[in-house]
Amino acid sequence: ALPLDSLQSLSLFYINELLLRLTQRGDPFPALFLVYEETIRVLRGEPGAGWYLRRFERRLLENLGWAPDLERCAKCGRSLDPTLSEHWFYQAERGVLCPAHAPDATVVTLEAAALAWLQGAMQTRIVGGWGPSLRHCLEQELQVHLGGRPLESRRLLAAYLRRTRLTSTT
């Protein structure tokens, strides 16, 4: 096996930390552990596969029964069709809101392309500017279930990115 780069190692640490924090030893989630195994394989073999982390996060939420409904507005029940609006909104613990019920201070904009990706098979790379809004929505939802306690892997990633930015500018 090829040696892992720093981002790959931090990504693997991240998915392990999520599993350790959100599941208990012996939890019966065989489908989740298949997703986990597949994610490890992809992250080890494909540098720059950060999009696969988003897929893992969503599948984790689904398997644990915490994934919000992506088919209907969490407030009015309106069908969420990504072709009807460029922007949707996401609120942790509630889910996706149609444009008529947002924004307010607690929602995050969810691009139509991100909603379509989540509603689909999540098999394609994230292309375009909607990756950050997708990451932020999933992060918000996970944070609710992490009880507000930050992940060490995210702290290490932020420190790594700061350090690499500093060394690339000097």
N, C-alpha and C. Protein backbone atom coordinates (compact mmCIF):
# COMPACT_ATOMS: atom_id res chain seq x y z
N ALA A 1 0.84 -1.19 0.00
CA ALA A 1 0.00 0.00 0.00
C ALA A 1 0.88 1.25 0.00
N LEU A 2 0.41 2.25 -0.68
CA LEU A 2 1.13 3.52 -0.73
C LEU A 2 0.98 4.25 0.59
N PRO A 3 1.99 5.03 0.98
CA PRO A 3 1.84 5.80 2.22
C PRO A 3 0.74 6.86 2.05
N LEU A 4 0.07 7.15 3.14
CA LEU A 4 -1.01 8.14 3.12
C LEU A 4 -0.45 9.54 3.27
N ASP A 5 -1.08 10.50 2.60
CA ASP A 5 -0.68 11.89 2.83
C ASP A 5 -1.43 12.40 4.07
N SER A 6 -1.10 13.60 4.49
CA SER A 6 -1.68 14.14 5.73
C SER A 6 -3.19 14.29 5.66
N LEU A 7 -3.71 14.76 4.53
CA LEU A 7 -5.16 14.93 4.41
C LEU A 7 -5.88 13.59 4.43
N GLN A 8 -5.30 12.58 3.80
CA GLN A 8 -5.91 11.25 3.84
C GLN A 8 -5.94 10.73 5.28
N SER A 9 -4.84 10.89 5.99
CA SER A 9 -4.77 10.43 7.38
C SER A 9 -5.79 11.15 8.25
N LEU A 10 -5.90 12.47 8.08
CA LEU A 10 -6.87 13.24 8.87
C LEU A 10 -8.31 12.85 8.51
N SER A 11 -8.55 12.55 7.24
CA SER A 11 -9.88 12.11 6.82
C SER A 11 -10.25 10.78 7.46
N LEU A 12 -9.29 9.86 7.49
CA LEU A 12 -9.54 8.57 8.12
C LEU A 12 -9.76 8.73 9.62
N PHE A 13 -8.99 9.60 10.25
CA PHE A 13 -9.18 9.89 11.67
C PHE A 13 -10.59 10.45 11.90
N TYR A 14 -11.03 11.33 11.01
CA TYR A 14 -12.34 11.95 11.12
C TYR A 14 -13.47 10.91 11.09
N ILE A 15 -13.45 10.01 10.11
CA ILE A 15 -14.55 9.03 10.04
C ILE A 15 -14.51 8.07 11.22
N ASN A 16 -13.31 7.73 11.69
CA ASN A 16 -13.21 6.88 12.87
C ASN A 16 -13.75 7.60 14.10
N GLU A 17 -13.41 8.88 14.24
CA GLU A 17 -13.88 9.64 15.38
C GLU A 17 -15.41 9.77 15.37
N LEU A 18 -15.99 9.99 14.19
CA LEU A 18 -17.45 10.05 14.09
C LEU A 18 -18.08 8.74 14.57
N LEU A 19 -17.55 7.63 14.09
CA LEU A 19 -18.11 6.34 14.49
C LEU A 19 -17.97 6.10 15.99
N LEU A 20 -16.81 6.41 16.53
CA LEU A 20 -16.59 6.20 17.96
C LEU A 20 -17.52 7.06 18.82
N ARG A 21 -17.76 8.28 18.37
CA ARG A 21 -18.58 9.20 19.15
C ARG A 21 -20.08 8.96 18.98
N LEU A 22 -20.50 8.45 17.83
CA LEU A 22 -21.93 8.37 17.55
C LEU A 22 -22.52 6.96 17.64
N THR A 23 -21.67 5.97 17.81
CA THR A 23 -22.16 4.60 17.97
C THR A 23 -21.59 4.00 19.25
N GLN A 24 -22.17 2.90 19.66
CA GLN A 24 -21.69 2.16 20.82
C GLN A 24 -21.10 0.84 20.34
N ARG A 25 -20.17 0.31 21.10
CA ARG A 25 -19.58 -0.99 20.77
C ARG A 25 -20.71 -2.02 20.64
N GLY A 26 -20.66 -2.76 19.55
CA GLY A 26 -21.65 -3.80 19.33
C GLY A 26 -22.95 -3.34 18.70
N ASP A 27 -23.07 -2.05 18.36
CA ASP A 27 -24.28 -1.57 17.69
C ASP A 27 -24.50 -2.35 16.40
N PRO A 28 -25.73 -2.77 16.14
CA PRO A 28 -26.01 -3.58 14.95
C PRO A 28 -26.28 -2.73 13.71
N PHE A 29 -25.23 -2.25 13.09
CA PHE A 29 -25.37 -1.43 11.89
C PHE A 29 -24.51 -1.99 10.77
N PRO A 30 -24.81 -3.20 10.26
CA PRO A 30 -23.95 -3.78 9.23
C PRO A 30 -23.86 -2.92 7.97
N ALA A 31 -24.95 -2.26 7.58
CA ALA A 31 -24.90 -1.42 6.38
C ALA A 31 -23.96 -0.24 6.59
N LEU A 32 -23.96 0.32 7.79
CA LEU A 32 -23.07 1.44 8.10
C LEU A 32 -21.61 1.01 8.00
N PHE A 33 -21.30 -0.17 8.49
CA PHE A 33 -19.91 -0.60 8.46
C PHE A 33 -19.46 -0.99 7.05
N LEU A 34 -20.39 -1.35 6.18
CA LEU A 34 -20.04 -1.54 4.77
C LEU A 34 -19.69 -0.19 4.14
N VAL A 35 -20.47 0.85 4.46
CA VAL A 35 -20.17 2.21 3.98
C VAL A 35 -18.82 2.67 4.53
N TYR A 36 -18.56 2.38 5.78
CA TYR A 36 -17.29 2.73 6.43
C TYR A 36 -16.12 2.06 5.71
N GLU A 37 -16.25 0.76 5.45
CA GLU A 37 -15.19 0.02 4.76
C GLU A 37 -14.95 0.59 3.36
N GLU A 38 -16.02 0.88 2.64
CA GLU A 38 -15.90 1.45 1.30
C GLU A 38 -15.24 2.83 1.35
N THR A 39 -15.61 3.64 2.34
CA THR A 39 -15.04 4.98 2.49
C THR A 39 -13.54 4.89 2.76
N ILE A 40 -13.14 3.98 3.62
CA ILE A 40 -11.71 3.80 3.89
C ILE A 40 -10.97 3.44 2.60
N ARG A 41 -11.53 2.51 1.85
CA ARG A 41 -10.89 2.08 0.60
C ARG A 41 -10.74 3.26 -0.38
N VAL A 42 -11.78 4.05 -0.52
CA VAL A 42 -11.73 5.19 -1.44
C VAL A 42 -10.73 6.24 -0.95
N LEU A 43 -10.79 6.58 0.34
CA LEU A 43 -9.89 7.60 0.88
C LEU A 43 -8.43 7.18 0.81
N ARG A 44 -8.16 5.90 1.01
CA ARG A 44 -6.77 5.42 0.93
C ARG A 44 -6.26 5.44 -0.51
N GLY A 45 -7.14 5.20 -1.46
CA GLY A 45 -6.70 5.05 -2.84
C GLY A 45 -6.82 6.29 -3.71
N GLU A 46 -7.50 7.29 -3.22
CA GLU A 46 -7.79 8.45 -4.07
C GLU A 46 -7.56 9.75 -3.32
N PRO A 47 -6.36 10.32 -3.41
CA PRO A 47 -6.15 11.63 -2.78
C PRO A 47 -7.16 12.64 -3.35
N GLY A 48 -7.63 13.52 -2.51
CA GLY A 48 -8.60 14.52 -2.96
C GLY A 48 -10.02 14.00 -3.02
N ALA A 49 -10.31 12.93 -2.29
CA ALA A 49 -11.65 12.35 -2.30
C ALA A 49 -12.51 12.89 -1.16
N GLY A 50 -12.35 14.17 -0.86
CA GLY A 50 -13.11 14.77 0.23
C GLY A 50 -14.61 14.67 0.03
N TRP A 51 -15.06 14.64 -1.22
CA TRP A 51 -16.48 14.50 -1.50
C TRP A 51 -17.03 13.22 -0.89
N TYR A 52 -16.17 12.22 -0.79
CA TYR A 52 -16.61 10.94 -0.23
C TYR A 52 -16.89 11.06 1.26
N LEU A 53 -16.26 12.03 1.92
CA LEU A 53 -16.57 12.29 3.33
C LEU A 53 -18.02 12.76 3.48
N ARG A 54 -18.48 13.60 2.54
CA ARG A 54 -19.87 14.07 2.60
C ARG A 54 -20.81 12.88 2.45
N ARG A 55 -20.46 11.98 1.54
CA ARG A 55 -21.27 10.78 1.33
C ARG A 55 -21.30 9.95 2.61
N PHE A 56 -20.16 9.77 3.25
CA PHE A 56 -20.10 9.01 4.50
C PHE A 56 -20.95 9.67 5.58
N GLU A 57 -20.83 10.99 5.71
CA GLU A 57 -21.61 11.71 6.74
C GLU A 57 -23.11 11.48 6.55
N ARG A 58 -23.57 11.61 5.31
CA ARG A 58 -25.00 11.42 5.03
C ARG A 58 -25.42 9.98 5.32
N ARG A 59 -24.62 9.02 4.87
CA ARG A 59 -24.95 7.62 5.11
C ARG A 59 -24.93 7.29 6.61
N LEU A 60 -24.01 7.90 7.34
CA LEU A 60 -23.96 7.72 8.79
C LEU A 60 -25.26 8.20 9.42
N LEU A 61 -25.69 9.40 9.06
CA LEU A 61 -26.95 9.94 9.59
C LEU A 61 -28.14 9.05 9.21
N GLU A 62 -28.15 8.56 7.98
CA GLU A 62 -29.24 7.68 7.53
C GLU A 62 -29.27 6.40 8.36
N ASN A 63 -28.12 5.75 8.51
CA ASN A 63 -28.06 4.48 9.21
C ASN A 63 -28.40 4.60 10.69
N LEU A 64 -28.11 5.74 11.28
CA LEU A 64 -28.42 5.94 12.69
C LEU A 64 -29.83 6.47 12.91
N GLY A 65 -30.56 6.70 11.80
CA GLY A 65 -31.94 7.17 11.90
C GLY A 65 -32.08 8.66 12.14
N TRP A 66 -31.04 9.42 11.85
CA TRP A 66 -31.03 10.86 12.13
C TRP A 66 -31.07 11.73 10.88
N ALA A 67 -31.11 11.13 9.72
CA ALA A 67 -31.08 11.91 8.49
C ALA A 67 -32.43 12.58 8.26
N PRO A 68 -32.42 13.88 8.01
CA PRO A 68 -33.68 14.57 7.75
C PRO A 68 -34.26 14.17 6.39
N ASP A 69 -35.55 14.34 6.26
CA ASP A 69 -36.25 14.08 5.01
C ASP A 69 -35.76 15.05 3.95
N LEU A 70 -35.42 14.53 2.79
CA LEU A 70 -34.95 15.36 1.68
C LEU A 70 -35.99 15.49 0.58
N GLU A 71 -37.16 14.98 0.81
CA GLU A 71 -38.20 15.00 -0.22
C GLU A 71 -39.25 16.08 0.00
N ARG A 72 -39.41 16.53 1.26
CA ARG A 72 -40.45 17.50 1.59
C ARG A 72 -39.92 18.58 2.51
N CYS A 73 -40.46 19.80 2.35
CA CYS A 73 -40.11 20.91 3.24
C CYS A 73 -40.46 20.52 4.67
N ALA A 74 -39.53 20.76 5.57
CA ALA A 74 -39.72 20.39 6.98
C ALA A 74 -40.85 21.18 7.64
N LYS A 75 -41.23 22.30 7.06
CA LYS A 75 -42.28 23.13 7.67
C LYS A 75 -43.65 22.94 7.02
N CYS A 76 -43.72 23.00 5.68
CA CYS A 76 -45.03 22.96 5.02
C CYS A 76 -45.31 21.66 4.28
N GLY A 77 -44.30 20.81 4.10
CA GLY A 77 -44.51 19.55 3.40
C GLY A 77 -44.42 19.64 1.89
N ARG A 78 -44.12 20.83 1.36
CA ARG A 78 -43.99 21.02 -0.09
C ARG A 78 -42.87 20.12 -0.63
N SER A 79 -43.09 19.58 -1.81
CA SER A 79 -42.08 18.74 -2.45
C SER A 79 -40.80 19.53 -2.70
N LEU A 80 -39.66 18.93 -2.42
CA LEU A 80 -38.37 19.58 -2.63
C LEU A 80 -37.82 19.15 -3.98
N ASP A 81 -38.08 19.93 -4.98
CA ASP A 81 -37.60 19.65 -6.33
C ASP A 81 -36.48 20.64 -6.64
N PRO A 82 -35.23 20.16 -6.73
CA PRO A 82 -34.09 21.06 -6.96
C PRO A 82 -34.21 21.89 -8.23
N THR A 83 -35.07 21.48 -9.17
CA THR A 83 -35.21 22.26 -10.41
C THR A 83 -36.11 23.48 -10.22
N LEU A 84 -36.82 23.58 -9.10
CA LEU A 84 -37.75 24.68 -8.89
C LEU A 84 -37.13 25.91 -8.25
N SER A 85 -35.95 25.76 -7.67
CA SER A 85 -35.29 26.90 -7.04
C SER A 85 -33.79 26.66 -7.03
N GLU A 86 -33.02 27.74 -7.12
CA GLU A 86 -31.56 27.62 -7.05
C GLU A 86 -31.09 27.44 -5.62
N HIS A 87 -31.87 27.94 -4.68
CA HIS A 87 -31.46 27.89 -3.28
C HIS A 87 -32.56 27.32 -2.41
N TRP A 88 -32.17 26.40 -1.55
CA TRP A 88 -33.03 25.85 -0.52
C TRP A 88 -32.35 26.19 0.79
N PHE A 89 -32.94 25.79 1.87
CA PHE A 89 -32.36 26.16 3.16
C PHE A 89 -32.37 24.94 4.07
N TYR A 90 -31.41 24.92 4.96
CA TYR A 90 -31.25 23.77 5.84
C TYR A 90 -31.18 24.24 7.29
N GLN A 91 -31.90 23.56 8.15
CA GLN A 91 -31.88 23.88 9.57
C GLN A 91 -31.66 22.58 10.34
N ALA A 92 -30.59 22.55 11.13
CA ALA A 92 -30.26 21.35 11.90
C ALA A 92 -31.45 20.93 12.75
N GLU A 93 -31.65 19.65 12.84
CA GLU A 93 -32.72 18.99 13.58
C GLU A 93 -34.09 19.11 12.92
N ARG A 94 -34.21 19.94 11.89
CA ARG A 94 -35.49 20.06 11.18
C ARG A 94 -35.36 19.50 9.78
N GLY A 95 -34.34 19.93 9.06
CA GLY A 95 -34.16 19.47 7.70
C GLY A 95 -34.19 20.59 6.70
N VAL A 96 -34.60 20.26 5.49
CA VAL A 96 -34.60 21.21 4.38
C VAL A 96 -35.90 22.00 4.40
N LEU A 97 -35.76 23.31 4.16
CA LEU A 97 -36.91 24.21 4.10
C LEU A 97 -37.01 24.80 2.71
N CYS A 98 -38.23 24.97 2.23
CA CYS A 98 -38.43 25.61 0.93
C CYS A 98 -38.17 27.11 1.07
N PRO A 99 -37.98 27.81 -0.04
CA PRO A 99 -37.68 29.25 0.02
C PRO A 99 -38.74 30.07 0.77
N ALA A 100 -39.98 29.61 0.81
CA ALA A 100 -41.04 30.36 1.50
C ALA A 100 -40.87 30.36 3.02
N HIS A 101 -40.08 29.45 3.56
CA HIS A 101 -39.95 29.32 5.01
C HIS A 101 -38.55 29.62 5.53
N ALA A 102 -37.80 30.36 4.78
CA ALA A 102 -36.44 30.73 5.20
C ALA A 102 -36.10 32.00 4.45
N PRO A 103 -35.08 32.68 4.72
CA PRO A 103 -34.08 32.38 5.73
C PRO A 103 -34.37 33.07 7.05
N ASP A 104 -33.77 32.55 8.06
CA ASP A 104 -33.65 33.24 9.33
C ASP A 104 -32.25 32.94 9.86
N ALA A 105 -31.95 33.39 11.04
CA ALA A 105 -30.57 33.31 11.53
C ALA A 105 -30.08 31.89 11.75
N THR A 106 -30.99 30.91 11.84
CA THR A 106 -30.55 29.56 12.16
C THR A 106 -30.45 28.64 10.95
N VAL A 107 -30.64 29.16 9.76
CA VAL A 107 -30.60 28.30 8.58
C VAL A 107 -29.34 28.55 7.76
N VAL A 108 -29.01 27.55 6.98
CA VAL A 108 -27.86 27.59 6.08
C VAL A 108 -28.40 27.42 4.67
N THR A 109 -27.88 28.19 3.74
CA THR A 109 -28.30 28.03 2.35
C THR A 109 -27.80 26.70 1.82
N LEU A 110 -28.67 25.98 1.14
CA LEU A 110 -28.33 24.72 0.51
C LEU A 110 -28.58 24.88 -0.98
N GLU A 111 -27.52 24.84 -1.75
CA GLU A 111 -27.65 25.02 -3.20
C GLU A 111 -28.49 23.89 -3.79
N ALA A 112 -29.21 24.18 -4.87
CA ALA A 112 -30.04 23.18 -5.53
C ALA A 112 -29.22 21.97 -5.95
N ALA A 113 -27.99 22.20 -6.43
CA ALA A 113 -27.13 21.09 -6.85
C ALA A 113 -26.78 20.18 -5.67
N ALA A 114 -26.60 20.77 -4.49
CA ALA A 114 -26.30 19.98 -3.29
C ALA A 114 -27.51 19.15 -2.88
N LEU A 115 -28.70 19.74 -2.95
CA LEU A 115 -29.92 19.00 -2.63
C LEU A 115 -30.10 17.84 -3.61
N ALA A 116 -29.89 18.10 -4.89
CA ALA A 116 -30.02 17.04 -5.90
C ALA A 116 -29.01 15.92 -5.63
N TRP A 117 -27.79 16.29 -5.26
CA TRP A 117 -26.76 15.29 -4.96
C TRP A 117 -27.17 14.43 -3.77
N LEU A 118 -27.69 15.07 -2.72
CA LEU A 118 -28.14 14.33 -1.53
C LEU A 118 -29.33 13.43 -1.85
N GLN A 119 -30.23 13.89 -2.71
CA GLN A 119 -31.40 13.10 -3.06
C GLN A 119 -31.03 11.93 -3.98
N GLY A 120 -29.91 12.06 -4.66
CA GLY A 120 -29.48 11.01 -5.58
C GLY A 120 -28.62 9.97 -4.90
N ALA A 121 -27.80 9.31 -5.69
CA ALA A 121 -26.97 8.21 -5.17
C ALA A 121 -25.68 8.69 -4.52
N MET A 122 -25.36 9.97 -4.66
CA MET A 122 -24.14 10.56 -4.08
C MET A 122 -22.89 9.84 -4.58
N GLN A 123 -22.87 9.50 -5.85
CA GLN A 123 -21.76 8.75 -6.43
C GLN A 123 -20.79 9.62 -7.23
N THR A 124 -21.12 10.87 -7.41
CA THR A 124 -20.27 11.72 -8.25
C THR A 124 -19.53 12.74 -7.41
N ARG A 125 -18.39 13.15 -7.94
CA ARG A 125 -17.61 14.20 -7.29
C ARG A 125 -18.44 15.48 -7.21
N ILE A 126 -18.17 16.25 -6.19
CA ILE A 126 -18.82 17.55 -6.03
C ILE A 126 -18.08 18.53 -6.93
N VAL A 127 -18.79 19.05 -7.92
CA VAL A 127 -18.19 19.98 -8.87
C VAL A 127 -18.94 21.30 -8.77
N GLY A 128 -18.21 22.38 -8.70
CA GLY A 128 -18.84 23.69 -8.61
C GLY A 128 -18.73 24.24 -7.20
N GLY A 129 -19.40 25.34 -7.00
CA GLY A 129 -19.28 26.06 -5.74
C GLY A 129 -20.20 25.62 -4.63
N TRP A 130 -20.92 24.52 -4.79
CA TRP A 130 -21.90 24.13 -3.78
C TRP A 130 -21.35 23.19 -2.72
N GLY A 131 -20.13 22.75 -2.84
CA GLY A 131 -19.53 21.86 -1.85
C GLY A 131 -19.51 22.43 -0.44
N PRO A 132 -19.09 23.69 -0.25
CA PRO A 132 -19.07 24.24 1.11
C PRO A 132 -20.44 24.30 1.78
N SER A 133 -21.50 24.61 1.03
CA SER A 133 -22.83 24.66 1.67
C SER A 133 -23.27 23.26 2.08
N LEU A 134 -22.95 22.27 1.28
CA LEU A 134 -23.26 20.89 1.62
C LEU A 134 -22.50 20.47 2.88
N ARG A 135 -21.22 20.78 2.92
CA ARG A 135 -20.39 20.44 4.08
C ARG A 135 -20.94 21.10 5.34
N HIS A 136 -21.31 22.36 5.22
CA HIS A 136 -21.82 23.09 6.38
C HIS A 136 -23.13 22.49 6.90
N CYS A 137 -24.02 22.11 6.00
CA CYS A 137 -25.29 21.51 6.41
C CYS A 137 -25.07 20.19 7.15
N LEU A 138 -24.22 19.35 6.59
CA LEU A 138 -23.95 18.06 7.23
C LEU A 138 -23.23 18.24 8.56
N GLU A 139 -22.30 19.19 8.60
CA GLU A 139 -21.59 19.50 9.85
C GLU A 139 -22.57 19.92 10.94
N GLN A 140 -23.50 20.79 10.57
CA GLN A 140 -24.51 21.26 11.53
C GLN A 140 -25.32 20.11 12.10
N GLU A 141 -25.76 19.23 11.22
CA GLU A 141 -26.58 18.10 11.66
C GLU A 141 -25.78 17.16 12.56
N LEU A 142 -24.55 16.88 12.18
CA LEU A 142 -23.71 16.01 13.01
C LEU A 142 -23.44 16.64 14.37
N GLN A 143 -23.21 17.95 14.39
CA GLN A 143 -22.90 18.63 15.64
C GLN A 143 -24.03 18.48 16.66
N VAL A 144 -25.26 18.47 16.19
CA VAL A 144 -26.40 18.27 17.08
C VAL A 144 -26.26 16.93 17.80
N HIS A 145 -25.88 15.90 17.06
CA HIS A 145 -25.78 14.56 17.63
C HIS A 145 -24.48 14.32 18.38
N LEU A 146 -23.53 15.19 18.19
CA LEU A 146 -22.28 15.11 18.95
C LEU A 146 -22.40 15.85 20.28
N GLY A 147 -23.56 16.40 20.54
CA GLY A 147 -23.80 17.07 21.82
C GLY A 147 -23.02 18.36 21.98
N GLY A 148 -22.66 19.00 20.88
CA GLY A 148 -21.93 20.26 20.96
C GLY A 148 -20.45 20.11 21.23
N ARG A 149 -19.99 18.90 21.49
CA ARG A 149 -18.55 18.68 21.73
C ARG A 149 -17.82 18.63 20.40
N PRO A 150 -16.79 19.46 20.23
CA PRO A 150 -16.07 19.49 18.95
C PRO A 150 -15.27 18.21 18.71
N LEU A 151 -15.03 17.93 17.46
CA LEU A 151 -14.21 16.77 17.08
C LEU A 151 -12.75 17.16 17.05
N GLU A 152 -11.92 16.32 17.60
CA GLU A 152 -10.48 16.56 17.60
C GLU A 152 -9.93 16.54 16.17
N SER A 153 -10.48 15.69 15.33
CA SER A 153 -10.01 15.60 13.94
C SER A 153 -10.24 16.91 13.19
N ARG A 154 -11.33 17.60 13.47
CA ARG A 154 -11.58 18.90 12.82
C ARG A 154 -10.59 19.95 13.31
N ARG A 155 -10.27 19.90 14.60
CA ARG A 155 -9.28 20.84 15.16
C ARG A 155 -7.92 20.60 14.51
N LEU A 156 -7.54 19.34 14.37
CA LEU A 156 -6.25 19.01 13.75
C LEU A 156 -6.23 19.41 12.27
N LEU A 157 -7.33 19.20 11.58
CA LEU A 157 -7.40 19.59 10.17
C LEU A 157 -7.25 21.10 10.02
N ALA A 158 -7.94 21.86 10.86
CA ALA A 158 -7.82 23.33 10.80
C ALA A 158 -6.39 23.76 11.05
N ALA A 159 -5.72 23.15 12.02
CA ALA A 159 -4.32 23.48 12.32
C ALA A 159 -3.42 23.12 11.14
N TYR A 160 -3.67 21.97 10.54
CA TYR A 160 -2.88 21.53 9.38
C TYR A 160 -3.05 22.51 8.22
N LEU A 161 -4.29 22.90 7.94
CA LEU A 161 -4.55 23.82 6.83
C LEU A 161 -3.93 25.19 7.09
N ARG A 162 -3.99 25.67 8.32
CA ARG A 162 -3.33 26.94 8.66
C ARG A 162 -1.83 26.84 8.42
N ARG A 163 -1.24 25.75 8.87
CA ARG A 163 0.20 25.56 8.72
C ARG A 163 0.60 25.47 7.25
N THR A 164 -0.16 24.74 6.45
CA THR A 164 0.20 24.62 5.04
C THR A 164 0.00 25.93 4.30
N ARG A 165 -1.00 26.72 4.69
CA ARG A 165 -1.18 28.04 4.08
C ARG A 165 -0.02 28.95 4.41
N LEU A 166 0.43 28.91 5.66
CA LEU A 166 1.56 29.74 6.08
C LEU A 166 2.84 29.36 5.36
N THR A 167 3.08 28.07 5.21
CA THR A 167 4.33 27.64 4.55
C THR A 167 4.27 27.88 3.05
N SER A 168 3.08 27.88 2.47
CA SER A 168 2.99 28.11 1.02
C SER A 168 3.14 29.59 0.68
N THR A 169 2.92 30.47 1.64
CA THR A 169 3.06 31.91 1.37
C THR A 169 4.44 32.45 1.74
N THR A 170 5.26 31.63 2.36
CA THR A 170 6.60 32.10 2.75
C THR A 170 7.65 31.58 1.81
